[in-house]
């Protein structure tokens, strides 16, 4: 095992292809946080998306879903969320979460929305569902995302379901 990036990222080599390196990111507690990187330093997609502070995301050719953990006591009235065709402005009352940026690509803001979900008693998350205006694979949610927060879009599962082909 070889350390890189000041110990925050560790290289692990696997035998699928000799000499091909895969890096994984370890959290502050030293545990693997579920993110794998290519040698080029971009994420290997999980659910055709990735993980970036403070959100995780998945995508299809038609939409991108962004999940942001928020304090368990968050109520809808605490959420100030503006979704536009080109970007997002999000603030949770009390300053727990603040996020702003330009989307990787233009979305249909009128067909996009946010919901407040409670997957557990002591957990809440804000889920953004973004309708894409073109069938394309995003490398990240935001255009200016650092390389470590981007995915390798050539590694997404680009198969289409049969029912999608009928329309």
Foldseek 3Di string as FASTA:
>chain_A
DAADDVNQKDWDDDVPPPPWIKIFGADPVRHTPPWIAGPVQATADDLLWADDPQWTWHDALWKIKIKGWFWLPFDPVQWDWDDAQFWIFIAGPPRRDTDIATFLHGFDRVPKDWDWDDPDNGTIIIMIITTHPGRDRGQAGHNPDPRNRGHDSVNGDHDDDPVVVVD
